[in-house]
Amino acid sequence: MTQAIPDRIQQSIRMCSDMAETLAEPIARAADVLVAALRAGRTIYVCGNGGSAAQAQHLAGELVGRFLVDRPALPCVALTTDTSVLTAVANDYNFEQVFERQVEALVKEGDVLVAISTSGESVNVLKAASLARKRGARTIGLTGAGGGKLKELCDECLAVPAESSPLIQEGHLLVLHILCGRVEQALFAHASRRRGRDEPKDNEQDKRE
């Protein structure tokens, strides 16, 4: 029974190896899209369902807060967090429009929508991506193998080479962390690196040496 654990870990390692071969350039291009929008004073919006909603909020947290360096906050909004808006739209219209309606209200030309769907087939995510493009925003999709319908609605589609949702979500987290790192590197190359909680400050380190 315990053998299943290293087998599962090896499965994730193989997926990451495949990602290194197939997604390096698409991830770099997606990062360039984010950097260009942020340099122009635009906003990043993110949407997804379930685990992908958690990923959307993770990205917003890293950009508004910080990832690896201390620097100014970056404008990023997860469209998954306003329960009043989500429930109002789902109740008054339908759940398929919970992100599309927010795109209509908030997204402007030059903004970026990061649309996350492990299947690439989530209707509410597809509707949001479609409207975002019509409004002149750039679209980045995070999907699983093949990309689904979302692939056709994205300027860059980062399709993790896996079929199961847990593996795809693991790949998505890795992609999001790489994107955050490249954004900070491009925009704040000279900012001080973020210290871990247990990492001593410079003067504390001096006292120990």
N, C-alpha and C. Protein backbone atom coordinates (compact mmCIF):
# COMPACT_ATOMS: atom_id res chain seq x y z
N MET A 1 0.84 -1.22 0.00
CA MET A 1 0.00 0.00 0.00
C MET A 1 0.86 1.26 0.00
N THR A 2 1.92 1.25 0.82
CA THR A 2 2.76 2.45 0.87
C THR A 2 3.49 2.69 -0.44
N GLN A 3 3.64 1.64 -1.28
CA GLN A 3 4.30 1.81 -2.57
C GLN A 3 3.53 2.77 -3.47
N ALA A 4 2.23 2.88 -3.23
CA ALA A 4 1.42 3.79 -4.04
C ALA A 4 1.88 5.24 -3.88
N ILE A 5 2.45 5.58 -2.74
CA ILE A 5 2.87 6.96 -2.49
C ILE A 5 4.05 7.35 -3.38
N PRO A 6 5.17 6.60 -3.38
CA PRO A 6 6.25 6.98 -4.31
C PRO A 6 5.84 6.89 -5.76
N ASP A 7 4.95 5.94 -6.10
CA ASP A 7 4.47 5.86 -7.49
C ASP A 7 3.75 7.14 -7.88
N ARG A 8 2.93 7.62 -6.95
CA ARG A 8 2.18 8.87 -7.24
C ARG A 8 3.14 10.05 -7.37
N ILE A 9 4.15 10.10 -6.53
CA ILE A 9 5.14 11.18 -6.61
C ILE A 9 5.89 11.11 -7.93
N GLN A 10 6.26 9.90 -8.36
CA GLN A 10 6.95 9.74 -9.63
C GLN A 10 6.06 10.17 -10.80
N GLN A 11 4.77 9.94 -10.68
CA GLN A 11 3.82 10.37 -11.71
C GLN A 11 3.86 11.89 -11.87
N SER A 12 3.91 12.59 -10.74
CA SER A 12 3.98 14.05 -10.78
C SER A 12 5.32 14.51 -11.36
N ILE A 13 6.39 13.80 -11.00
CA ILE A 13 7.71 14.16 -11.52
C ILE A 13 7.75 14.01 -13.04
N ARG A 14 7.17 12.91 -13.55
CA ARG A 14 7.14 12.70 -15.01
C ARG A 14 6.35 13.80 -15.69
N MET A 15 5.24 14.22 -15.08
CA MET A 15 4.45 15.30 -15.66
C MET A 15 5.26 16.60 -15.72
N CYS A 16 5.96 16.91 -14.65
CA CYS A 16 6.77 18.12 -14.61
C CYS A 16 7.88 18.07 -15.66
N SER A 17 8.44 16.89 -15.86
CA SER A 17 9.47 16.73 -16.90
C SER A 17 8.88 17.00 -18.28
N ASP A 18 7.68 16.50 -18.51
CA ASP A 18 7.01 16.77 -19.79
C ASP A 18 6.71 18.26 -19.94
N MET A 19 6.33 18.91 -18.86
CA MET A 19 6.07 20.34 -18.89
C MET A 19 7.33 21.12 -19.27
N ALA A 20 8.47 20.69 -18.76
CA ALA A 20 9.73 21.37 -19.07
C ALA A 20 10.01 21.34 -20.56
N GLU A 21 9.59 20.27 -21.21
CA GLU A 21 9.85 20.13 -22.64
C GLU A 21 8.83 20.87 -23.50
N THR A 22 7.58 20.92 -23.06
CA THR A 22 6.51 21.45 -23.92
C THR A 22 6.02 22.85 -23.57
N LEU A 23 6.21 23.28 -22.32
CA LEU A 23 5.58 24.53 -21.88
C LEU A 23 6.53 25.67 -21.59
N ALA A 24 7.83 25.46 -21.68
CA ALA A 24 8.77 26.53 -21.32
C ALA A 24 8.52 27.79 -22.15
N GLU A 25 8.44 27.65 -23.45
CA GLU A 25 8.24 28.83 -24.30
C GLU A 25 6.85 29.44 -24.13
N PRO A 26 5.76 28.64 -24.12
CA PRO A 26 4.45 29.24 -23.87
C PRO A 26 4.35 29.97 -22.53
N ILE A 27 4.98 29.42 -21.48
CA ILE A 27 4.96 30.11 -20.19
C ILE A 27 5.70 31.43 -20.28
N ALA A 28 6.84 31.43 -20.97
CA ALA A 28 7.61 32.68 -21.14
C ALA A 28 6.78 33.72 -21.88
N ARG A 29 6.07 33.29 -22.91
CA ARG A 29 5.23 34.24 -23.66
C ARG A 29 4.09 34.76 -22.80
N ALA A 30 3.48 33.87 -22.02
CA ALA A 30 2.40 34.30 -21.12
C ALA A 30 2.90 35.30 -20.10
N ALA A 31 4.09 35.07 -19.58
CA ALA A 31 4.68 36.02 -18.63
C ALA A 31 4.89 37.37 -19.29
N ASP A 32 5.32 37.37 -20.54
CA ASP A 32 5.51 38.63 -21.27
C ASP A 32 4.19 39.39 -21.41
N VAL A 33 3.10 38.65 -21.61
CA VAL A 33 1.77 39.29 -21.71
C VAL A 33 1.43 39.97 -20.38
N LEU A 34 1.67 39.29 -19.27
CA LEU A 34 1.38 39.87 -17.96
C LEU A 34 2.25 41.10 -17.70
N VAL A 35 3.52 40.99 -18.01
CA VAL A 35 4.45 42.09 -17.76
C VAL A 35 4.06 43.31 -18.58
N ALA A 36 3.74 43.10 -19.85
CA ALA A 36 3.37 44.23 -20.71
C ALA A 36 2.13 44.93 -20.19
N ALA A 37 1.14 44.15 -19.75
CA ALA A 37 -0.09 44.76 -19.23
C ALA A 37 0.18 45.54 -17.94
N LEU A 38 0.96 44.96 -17.05
CA LEU A 38 1.25 45.64 -15.79
C LEU A 38 2.07 46.90 -16.01
N ARG A 39 3.02 46.86 -16.93
CA ARG A 39 3.79 48.06 -17.25
C ARG A 39 2.91 49.17 -17.80
N ALA A 40 1.85 48.79 -18.48
CA ALA A 40 0.93 49.77 -19.06
C ALA A 40 -0.13 50.22 -18.08
N GLY A 41 -0.06 49.76 -16.84
CA GLY A 41 -1.03 50.17 -15.84
C GLY A 41 -2.35 49.43 -15.90
N ARG A 42 -2.36 48.29 -16.58
CA ARG A 42 -3.59 47.52 -16.70
C ARG A 42 -3.74 46.55 -15.53
N THR A 43 -4.84 45.80 -15.50
CA THR A 43 -5.17 44.91 -14.40
C THR A 43 -5.25 43.46 -14.89
N ILE A 44 -4.81 42.54 -14.02
CA ILE A 44 -4.94 41.12 -14.28
C ILE A 44 -6.19 40.61 -13.57
N TYR A 45 -7.04 39.90 -14.28
CA TYR A 45 -8.21 39.25 -13.69
C TYR A 45 -8.05 37.75 -13.84
N VAL A 46 -8.60 36.99 -12.87
CA VAL A 46 -8.42 35.54 -12.87
C VAL A 46 -9.74 34.87 -12.50
N CYS A 47 -10.05 33.75 -13.17
CA CYS A 47 -11.27 33.02 -12.82
C CYS A 47 -11.08 31.52 -12.96
N GLY A 48 -11.92 30.77 -12.27
CA GLY A 48 -11.89 29.31 -12.31
C GLY A 48 -12.87 28.77 -11.29
N ASN A 49 -13.16 27.49 -11.37
CA ASN A 49 -14.13 26.85 -10.48
C ASN A 49 -13.44 25.86 -9.54
N GLY A 50 -13.95 25.73 -8.33
CA GLY A 50 -13.44 24.72 -7.41
C GLY A 50 -11.96 24.91 -7.10
N GLY A 51 -11.18 23.86 -7.36
CA GLY A 51 -9.74 23.96 -7.14
C GLY A 51 -9.12 25.05 -7.98
N SER A 52 -9.67 25.29 -9.16
CA SER A 52 -9.16 26.35 -10.02
C SER A 52 -9.51 27.73 -9.46
N ALA A 53 -10.60 27.82 -8.70
CA ALA A 53 -10.90 29.08 -8.00
C ALA A 53 -9.83 29.35 -6.95
N ALA A 54 -9.41 28.29 -6.26
CA ALA A 54 -8.34 28.46 -5.27
C ALA A 54 -7.05 28.91 -5.96
N GLN A 55 -6.78 28.35 -7.14
CA GLN A 55 -5.59 28.76 -7.89
C GLN A 55 -5.70 30.22 -8.31
N ALA A 56 -6.90 30.65 -8.71
CA ALA A 56 -7.11 32.04 -9.10
C ALA A 56 -6.80 32.97 -7.94
N GLN A 57 -7.28 32.62 -6.76
CA GLN A 57 -7.04 33.45 -5.58
C GLN A 57 -5.57 33.39 -5.15
N HIS A 58 -4.94 32.27 -5.38
CA HIS A 58 -3.51 32.15 -5.09
C HIS A 58 -2.72 33.14 -5.93
N LEU A 59 -3.01 33.20 -7.23
CA LEU A 59 -2.29 34.13 -8.11
C LEU A 59 -2.51 35.57 -7.66
N ALA A 60 -3.76 35.92 -7.36
CA ALA A 60 -4.04 37.28 -6.90
C ALA A 60 -3.29 37.59 -5.62
N GLY A 61 -3.24 36.63 -4.70
CA GLY A 61 -2.53 36.84 -3.45
C GLY A 61 -1.05 37.10 -3.66
N GLU A 62 -0.43 36.35 -4.58
CA GLU A 62 1.00 36.52 -4.84
C GLU A 62 1.31 37.86 -5.49
N LEU A 63 0.43 38.33 -6.39
CA LEU A 63 0.71 39.58 -7.11
C LEU A 63 0.34 40.81 -6.28
N VAL A 64 -0.78 40.77 -5.61
CA VAL A 64 -1.15 41.91 -4.77
C VAL A 64 -0.25 41.97 -3.54
N GLY A 65 0.05 40.81 -2.98
CA GLY A 65 0.97 40.75 -1.86
C GLY A 65 2.41 40.80 -2.37
N ARG A 66 3.05 39.65 -2.30
CA ARG A 66 4.40 39.55 -2.84
C ARG A 66 4.71 38.08 -3.05
N PHE A 67 5.68 37.82 -3.91
CA PHE A 67 6.10 36.45 -4.18
C PHE A 67 7.47 36.21 -3.58
N LEU A 68 8.53 36.66 -4.27
CA LEU A 68 9.88 36.45 -3.77
C LEU A 68 10.60 37.73 -3.37
N VAL A 69 10.08 38.88 -3.77
CA VAL A 69 10.77 40.13 -3.46
C VAL A 69 9.81 41.13 -2.85
N ASP A 70 10.36 42.06 -2.06
CA ASP A 70 9.57 43.18 -1.55
C ASP A 70 9.45 44.22 -2.64
N ARG A 71 8.23 44.56 -3.00
CA ARG A 71 8.02 45.51 -4.10
C ARG A 71 6.59 46.06 -4.00
N PRO A 72 6.23 47.05 -4.83
CA PRO A 72 4.87 47.58 -4.79
C PRO A 72 3.84 46.51 -5.17
N ALA A 73 2.64 46.68 -4.69
CA ALA A 73 1.56 45.76 -5.01
C ALA A 73 1.21 45.85 -6.50
N LEU A 74 0.79 44.73 -7.06
CA LEU A 74 0.40 44.68 -8.46
C LEU A 74 -1.10 44.42 -8.56
N PRO A 75 -1.78 45.07 -9.52
CA PRO A 75 -3.24 44.94 -9.62
C PRO A 75 -3.68 43.60 -10.21
N CYS A 76 -4.26 42.77 -9.37
CA CYS A 76 -4.75 41.46 -9.79
C CYS A 76 -6.00 41.14 -9.00
N VAL A 77 -7.07 40.77 -9.68
CA VAL A 77 -8.36 40.53 -9.05
C VAL A 77 -8.85 39.12 -9.40
N ALA A 78 -9.15 38.33 -8.37
CA ALA A 78 -9.77 37.03 -8.59
C ALA A 78 -11.28 37.23 -8.64
N LEU A 79 -11.90 36.78 -9.72
CA LEU A 79 -13.35 36.96 -9.91
C LEU A 79 -14.15 35.89 -9.17
N THR A 80 -13.52 35.24 -8.22
CA THR A 80 -14.14 34.13 -7.50
C THR A 80 -14.48 34.48 -6.06
N THR A 81 -14.22 35.71 -5.65
CA THR A 81 -14.21 36.01 -4.21
C THR A 81 -15.40 36.83 -3.70
N ASP A 82 -16.13 37.52 -4.56
CA ASP A 82 -17.24 38.35 -4.10
C ASP A 82 -18.50 37.51 -4.06
N THR A 83 -18.84 36.98 -2.89
CA THR A 83 -19.97 36.06 -2.80
C THR A 83 -21.30 36.72 -3.13
N SER A 84 -21.42 38.01 -2.85
CA SER A 84 -22.67 38.71 -3.17
C SER A 84 -22.87 38.79 -4.68
N VAL A 85 -21.80 39.14 -5.40
CA VAL A 85 -21.89 39.19 -6.86
C VAL A 85 -22.13 37.80 -7.44
N LEU A 86 -21.37 36.82 -6.98
CA LEU A 86 -21.50 35.47 -7.51
C LEU A 86 -22.91 34.91 -7.32
N THR A 87 -23.44 35.08 -6.11
CA THR A 87 -24.77 34.52 -5.85
C THR A 87 -25.87 35.33 -6.50
N ALA A 88 -25.68 36.64 -6.63
CA ALA A 88 -26.69 37.46 -7.31
C ALA A 88 -26.79 37.08 -8.78
N VAL A 89 -25.65 36.96 -9.43
CA VAL A 89 -25.67 36.62 -10.85
C VAL A 89 -26.19 35.20 -11.05
N ALA A 90 -25.73 34.26 -10.21
CA ALA A 90 -26.21 32.88 -10.34
C ALA A 90 -27.71 32.79 -10.11
N ASN A 91 -28.23 33.59 -9.18
CA ASN A 91 -29.65 33.56 -8.86
C ASN A 91 -30.50 34.29 -9.90
N ASP A 92 -30.04 35.46 -10.33
CA ASP A 92 -30.84 36.29 -11.23
C ASP A 92 -30.68 35.91 -12.69
N TYR A 93 -29.53 35.35 -13.04
CA TYR A 93 -29.28 34.90 -14.42
C TYR A 93 -29.05 33.40 -14.38
N ASN A 94 -27.80 32.96 -14.38
CA ASN A 94 -27.46 31.55 -14.17
C ASN A 94 -25.98 31.45 -13.85
N PHE A 95 -25.56 30.28 -13.36
CA PHE A 95 -24.18 30.14 -12.93
C PHE A 95 -23.19 30.27 -14.09
N GLU A 96 -23.65 29.99 -15.29
CA GLU A 96 -22.77 30.10 -16.44
C GLU A 96 -22.29 31.53 -16.68
N GLN A 97 -22.94 32.50 -16.07
CA GLN A 97 -22.60 33.91 -16.31
C GLN A 97 -21.87 34.57 -15.13
N VAL A 98 -21.51 33.81 -14.11
CA VAL A 98 -20.96 34.45 -12.91
C VAL A 98 -19.63 35.17 -13.18
N PHE A 99 -18.84 34.69 -14.14
CA PHE A 99 -17.59 35.38 -14.47
C PHE A 99 -17.79 36.34 -15.64
N GLU A 100 -18.62 35.96 -16.59
CA GLU A 100 -18.87 36.81 -17.75
C GLU A 100 -19.43 38.17 -17.33
N ARG A 101 -20.35 38.15 -16.37
CA ARG A 101 -20.96 39.40 -15.91
C ARG A 101 -19.91 40.31 -15.27
N GLN A 102 -18.98 39.73 -14.54
CA GLN A 102 -17.92 40.53 -13.92
C GLN A 102 -16.94 41.05 -14.97
N VAL A 103 -16.68 40.26 -15.99
CA VAL A 103 -15.85 40.74 -17.09
C VAL A 103 -16.50 41.95 -17.75
N GLU A 104 -17.81 41.87 -17.95
CA GLU A 104 -18.55 42.99 -18.55
C GLU A 104 -18.42 44.24 -17.70
N ALA A 105 -18.44 44.07 -16.40
CA ALA A 105 -18.40 45.21 -15.49
C ALA A 105 -17.01 45.79 -15.32
N LEU A 106 -15.97 44.95 -15.37
CA LEU A 106 -14.65 45.37 -14.92
C LEU A 106 -13.56 45.39 -15.98
N VAL A 107 -13.56 44.45 -16.87
CA VAL A 107 -12.42 44.26 -17.77
C VAL A 107 -12.42 45.28 -18.90
N LYS A 108 -11.26 45.88 -19.11
CA LYS A 108 -11.11 46.91 -20.15
C LYS A 108 -10.05 46.48 -21.15
N GLU A 109 -10.01 47.21 -22.26
CA GLU A 109 -9.01 46.94 -23.29
C GLU A 109 -7.60 47.04 -22.68
N GLY A 110 -6.78 46.06 -22.99
CA GLY A 110 -5.42 46.05 -22.47
C GLY A 110 -5.24 45.27 -21.18
N ASP A 111 -6.35 44.96 -20.50
CA ASP A 111 -6.27 44.11 -19.31
C ASP A 111 -5.96 42.67 -19.74
N VAL A 112 -5.76 41.80 -18.77
CA VAL A 112 -5.52 40.38 -19.04
C VAL A 112 -6.48 39.55 -18.20
N LEU A 113 -7.08 38.54 -18.83
CA LEU A 113 -7.87 37.55 -18.10
C LEU A 113 -7.11 36.23 -18.11
N VAL A 114 -6.81 35.73 -16.92
CA VAL A 114 -6.23 34.39 -16.78
C VAL A 114 -7.38 33.45 -16.46
N ALA A 115 -7.69 32.57 -17.39
CA ALA A 115 -8.84 31.67 -17.28
C ALA A 115 -8.34 30.26 -16.97
N ILE A 116 -8.79 29.68 -15.85
CA ILE A 116 -8.28 28.39 -15.41
C ILE A 116 -9.39 27.35 -15.44
N SER A 117 -9.13 26.26 -16.17
CA SER A 117 -10.09 25.16 -16.25
C SER A 117 -9.32 23.89 -16.58
N THR A 118 -9.36 22.90 -15.70
CA THR A 118 -8.58 21.69 -15.94
C THR A 118 -9.04 20.98 -17.21
N SER A 119 -10.33 21.04 -17.51
CA SER A 119 -10.86 20.40 -18.71
C SER A 119 -10.81 21.30 -19.93
N GLY A 120 -10.75 22.61 -19.69
CA GLY A 120 -10.87 23.55 -20.81
C GLY A 120 -12.29 23.65 -21.33
N GLU A 121 -13.26 23.12 -20.57
CA GLU A 121 -14.65 23.06 -21.04
C GLU A 121 -15.64 23.73 -20.10
N SER A 122 -15.17 24.35 -19.02
CA SER A 122 -16.09 24.99 -18.06
C SER A 122 -16.81 26.16 -18.73
N VAL A 123 -18.12 26.07 -18.83
CA VAL A 123 -18.88 27.04 -19.62
C VAL A 123 -18.73 28.45 -19.09
N ASN A 124 -18.76 28.62 -17.76
CA ASN A 124 -18.65 29.99 -17.23
C ASN A 124 -17.28 30.59 -17.50
N VAL A 125 -16.24 29.76 -17.53
CA VAL A 125 -14.89 30.24 -17.85
C VAL A 125 -14.80 30.57 -19.34
N LEU A 126 -15.40 29.73 -20.19
CA LEU A 126 -15.40 29.99 -21.64
C LEU A 126 -16.11 31.30 -21.96
N LYS A 127 -17.24 31.53 -21.32
CA LYS A 127 -17.99 32.77 -21.58
C LYS A 127 -17.18 33.99 -21.16
N ALA A 128 -16.48 33.88 -20.04
CA ALA A 128 -15.66 35.00 -19.57
C ALA A 128 -14.52 35.28 -20.54
N ALA A 129 -13.85 34.23 -21.00
CA ALA A 129 -12.73 34.40 -21.93
C ALA A 129 -13.20 35.00 -23.25
N SER A 130 -14.34 34.53 -23.73
CA SER A 130 -14.87 35.04 -25.00
C SER A 130 -15.18 36.53 -24.91
N LEU A 131 -15.85 36.94 -23.84
CA LEU A 131 -16.19 38.36 -23.70
C LEU A 131 -14.95 39.21 -23.47
N ALA A 132 -13.99 38.69 -22.71
CA ALA A 132 -12.76 39.45 -22.47
C ALA A 132 -12.06 39.77 -23.79
N ARG A 133 -12.01 38.80 -24.68
CA ARG A 133 -11.37 39.04 -25.99
C ARG A 133 -12.15 40.10 -26.78
N LYS A 134 -13.46 40.04 -26.73
CA LYS A 134 -14.28 41.03 -27.44
C LYS A 134 -14.06 42.43 -26.89
N ARG A 135 -13.72 42.51 -25.62
CA ARG A 135 -13.48 43.81 -24.99
C ARG A 135 -12.04 44.30 -25.16
N GLY A 136 -11.24 43.53 -25.88
CA GLY A 136 -9.87 43.97 -26.17
C GLY A 136 -8.85 43.57 -25.13
N ALA A 137 -9.22 42.64 -24.26
CA ALA A 137 -8.27 42.14 -23.26
C ALA A 137 -7.49 40.98 -23.85
N ARG A 138 -6.32 40.71 -23.30
CA ARG A 138 -5.55 39.52 -23.63
C ARG A 138 -6.02 38.38 -22.75
N THR A 139 -5.94 37.17 -23.25
CA THR A 139 -6.41 36.03 -22.50
C THR A 139 -5.33 34.95 -22.42
N ILE A 140 -5.15 34.43 -21.20
CA ILE A 140 -4.21 33.33 -20.95
C ILE A 140 -5.01 32.20 -20.34
N GLY A 141 -4.93 31.01 -20.93
CA GLY A 141 -5.65 29.86 -20.42
C GLY A 141 -4.73 28.87 -19.74
N LEU A 142 -5.16 28.32 -18.62
CA LEU A 142 -4.49 27.21 -17.97
C LEU A 142 -5.43 26.02 -18.02
N THR A 143 -5.02 24.97 -18.72
CA THR A 143 -5.89 23.82 -18.95
C THR A 143 -5.11 22.53 -18.75
N GLY A 144 -5.78 21.41 -19.08
CA GLY A 144 -5.11 20.12 -19.12
C GLY A 144 -4.77 19.75 -20.55
N ALA A 145 -4.40 18.50 -20.75
CA ALA A 145 -3.97 18.02 -22.07
C ALA A 145 -5.02 18.32 -23.13
N GLY A 146 -4.57 18.87 -24.24
CA GLY A 146 -5.48 19.18 -25.35
C GLY A 146 -6.03 20.59 -25.31
N GLY A 147 -6.29 21.10 -24.13
CA GLY A 147 -6.74 22.49 -23.99
C GLY A 147 -8.23 22.70 -24.04
N GLY A 148 -8.98 21.72 -24.58
CA GLY A 148 -10.43 21.87 -24.68
C GLY A 148 -10.82 23.08 -25.51
N LYS A 149 -12.06 23.53 -25.35
CA LYS A 149 -12.55 24.69 -26.08
C LYS A 149 -11.85 25.97 -25.66
N LEU A 150 -11.33 26.00 -24.44
CA LEU A 150 -10.68 27.21 -23.96
C LEU A 150 -9.47 27.58 -24.81
N LYS A 151 -8.81 26.57 -25.35
CA LYS A 151 -7.61 26.81 -26.16
C LYS A 151 -7.87 27.79 -27.29
N GLU A 152 -9.06 27.71 -27.89
CA GLU A 152 -9.39 28.56 -29.03
C GLU A 152 -9.70 30.00 -28.63
N LEU A 153 -9.85 30.25 -27.33
CA LEU A 153 -10.22 31.58 -26.86
C LEU A 153 -9.05 32.31 -26.20
N CYS A 154 -7.85 31.73 -26.28
CA CYS A 154 -6.72 32.29 -25.55
C CYS A 154 -5.59 32.73 -26.46
N ASP A 155 -4.97 33.84 -26.10
CA ASP A 155 -3.75 34.26 -26.79
C ASP A 155 -2.62 33.29 -26.48
N GLU A 156 -2.59 32.80 -25.24
CA GLU A 156 -1.64 31.78 -24.84
C GLU A 156 -2.38 30.73 -24.03
N CYS A 157 -2.26 29.47 -24.43
CA CYS A 157 -2.89 28.38 -23.70
C CYS A 157 -1.81 27.50 -23.10
N LEU A 158 -1.77 27.41 -21.79
CA LEU A 158 -0.77 26.62 -21.08
C LEU A 158 -1.44 25.32 -20.66
N ALA A 159 -1.34 24.33 -21.54
CA ALA A 159 -2.02 23.05 -21.36
C ALA A 159 -1.09 22.05 -20.68
N VAL A 160 -1.32 21.79 -19.42
CA VAL A 160 -0.50 20.84 -18.67
C VAL A 160 -0.72 19.44 -19.26
N PRO A 161 0.35 18.72 -19.56
CA PRO A 161 0.23 17.41 -20.21
C PRO A 161 -0.20 16.31 -19.24
N ALA A 162 -1.46 16.37 -18.81
CA ALA A 162 -2.01 15.38 -17.89
C ALA A 162 -3.51 15.30 -18.12
N GLU A 163 -4.10 14.18 -17.70
CA GLU A 163 -5.53 13.96 -17.90
C GLU A 163 -6.34 14.12 -16.62
N SER A 164 -5.76 13.81 -15.47
CA SER A 164 -6.51 13.86 -14.21
C SER A 164 -6.45 15.24 -13.59
N SER A 165 -7.55 15.66 -12.99
CA SER A 165 -7.62 17.00 -12.41
C SER A 165 -6.56 17.24 -11.33
N PRO A 166 -6.30 16.29 -10.41
CA PRO A 166 -5.28 16.56 -9.40
C PRO A 166 -3.91 16.84 -10.01
N LEU A 167 -3.51 16.05 -10.99
CA LEU A 167 -2.21 16.27 -11.63
C LEU A 167 -2.20 17.61 -12.36
N ILE A 168 -3.27 17.91 -13.07
CA ILE A 168 -3.34 19.17 -13.80
C ILE A 168 -3.22 20.35 -12.84
N GLN A 169 -3.91 20.26 -11.70
CA GLN A 169 -3.85 21.35 -10.73
C GLN A 169 -2.46 21.51 -10.14
N GLU A 170 -1.75 20.39 -9.95
CA GLU A 170 -0.37 20.49 -9.50
C GLU A 170 0.48 21.22 -10.53
N GLY A 171 0.26 20.89 -11.80
CA GLY A 171 0.97 21.59 -12.86
C GLY A 171 0.62 23.06 -12.92
N HIS A 172 -0.66 23.38 -12.71
CA HIS A 172 -1.08 24.78 -12.74
C HIS A 172 -0.40 25.59 -11.65
N LEU A 173 -0.27 25.01 -10.45
CA LEU A 173 0.40 25.73 -9.37
C LEU A 173 1.84 26.04 -9.74
N LEU A 174 2.52 25.07 -10.35
CA LEU A 174 3.89 25.29 -10.78
C LEU A 174 3.95 26.41 -11.83
N VAL A 175 3.03 26.38 -12.78
CA VAL A 175 2.98 27.42 -13.82
C VAL A 175 2.78 28.79 -13.19
N LEU A 176 1.83 28.89 -12.26
CA LEU A 176 1.55 30.18 -11.63
C LEU A 176 2.75 30.71 -10.87
N HIS A 177 3.46 29.85 -10.18
CA HIS A 177 4.65 30.29 -9.46
C HIS A 177 5.74 30.77 -10.43
N ILE A 178 5.90 30.07 -11.54
CA ILE A 178 6.88 30.52 -12.53
C ILE A 178 6.49 31.88 -13.09
N LEU A 179 5.21 32.06 -13.39
CA LEU A 179 4.74 33.35 -13.90
C LEU A 179 5.01 34.46 -12.90
N CYS A 180 4.71 34.22 -11.63
CA CYS A 180 4.95 35.24 -10.61
C CYS A 180 6.43 35.60 -10.53
N GLY A 181 7.28 34.60 -10.58
CA GLY A 181 8.70 34.85 -10.52
C GLY A 181 9.20 35.67 -11.70
N ARG A 182 8.71 35.35 -12.89
CA ARG A 182 9.15 36.09 -14.07
C ARG A 182 8.63 37.53 -14.07
N VAL A 183 7.40 37.72 -13.57
CA VAL A 183 6.85 39.07 -13.46
C VAL A 183 7.70 39.91 -12.53
N GLU A 184 8.02 39.38 -11.36
CA GLU A 184 8.84 40.14 -10.42
C GLU A 184 10.23 40.39 -10.99
N GLN A 185 10.80 39.42 -11.64
CA GLN A 185 12.14 39.59 -12.21
C GLN A 185 12.14 40.69 -13.26
N ALA A 186 11.09 40.74 -14.08
CA ALA A 186 11.03 41.72 -15.16
C ALA A 186 10.75 43.12 -14.64
N LEU A 187 9.89 43.23 -13.64
CA LEU A 187 9.45 44.56 -13.19
C LEU A 187 10.25 45.11 -12.02
N PHE A 188 10.86 44.21 -11.25
CA PHE A 188 11.53 44.65 -10.02
C PHE A 188 12.88 43.95 -9.86
N ALA A 189 13.68 44.03 -10.90
CA ALA A 189 14.96 43.30 -10.91
C ALA A 189 15.87 43.70 -9.75
N HIS A 190 15.74 44.93 -9.26
CA HIS A 190 16.65 45.42 -8.23
C HIS A 190 16.01 45.42 -6.83
N ALA A 191 14.81 44.86 -6.73
CA ALA A 191 14.15 44.82 -5.41
C ALA A 191 14.83 43.78 -4.53
N SER A 192 14.72 43.98 -3.23
CA SER A 192 15.34 43.03 -2.29
C SER A 192 14.54 41.75 -2.24
N ARG A 193 15.26 40.66 -2.14
CA ARG A 193 14.61 39.36 -2.09
C ARG A 193 13.85 39.20 -0.79
N ARG A 194 12.68 38.58 -0.89
CA ARG A 194 11.86 38.32 0.30
C ARG A 194 12.57 37.34 1.22
N ARG A 195 12.61 37.66 2.51
CA ARG A 195 13.18 36.74 3.48
C ARG A 195 12.11 35.77 3.99
N GLY A 196 12.51 34.55 4.23
CA GLY A 196 11.64 33.61 4.89
C GLY A 196 11.46 34.01 6.34
N ARG A 197 10.46 33.50 6.99
CA ARG A 197 10.17 33.87 8.38
C ARG A 197 11.33 33.52 9.31
N ASP A 198 12.02 32.44 9.00
CA ASP A 198 13.09 31.98 9.88
C ASP A 198 14.46 32.44 9.41
N GLU A 199 14.50 33.23 8.35
CA GLU A 199 15.77 33.69 7.81
C GLU A 199 16.22 34.93 8.56
N PRO A 200 17.41 34.96 9.14
CA PRO A 200 17.84 36.12 9.93
C PRO A 200 18.05 37.36 9.08
N LYS A 201 17.80 38.51 9.67
CA LYS A 201 18.11 39.76 9.00
C LYS A 201 19.63 39.92 8.90
N ASP A 202 20.05 40.82 8.02
CA ASP A 202 21.48 40.98 7.78
C ASP A 202 22.25 41.25 9.06
N ASN A 203 21.72 42.16 9.90
CA ASN A 203 22.46 42.51 11.11
C ASN A 203 22.47 41.36 12.11
N GLU A 204 21.40 40.54 12.09
CA GLU A 204 21.38 39.38 12.96
C GLU A 204 22.41 38.35 12.50
N GLN A 205 22.54 38.22 11.20
CA GLN A 205 23.52 37.30 10.66
C GLN A 205 24.94 37.74 11.02
N ASP A 206 25.15 39.06 10.95
CA ASP A 206 26.48 39.60 11.29
C ASP A 206 26.86 39.25 12.72
N LYS A 207 25.89 39.31 13.64
CA LYS A 207 26.19 39.04 15.04
C LYS A 207 26.56 37.58 15.26
N ARG A 208 26.04 36.70 14.39
CA ARG A 208 26.30 35.29 14.56
C ARG A 208 27.64 34.88 13.97
N GLU A 209 28.18 35.66 13.07
CA GLU A 209 29.44 35.32 12.40
C GLU A 209 30.66 35.77 13.21
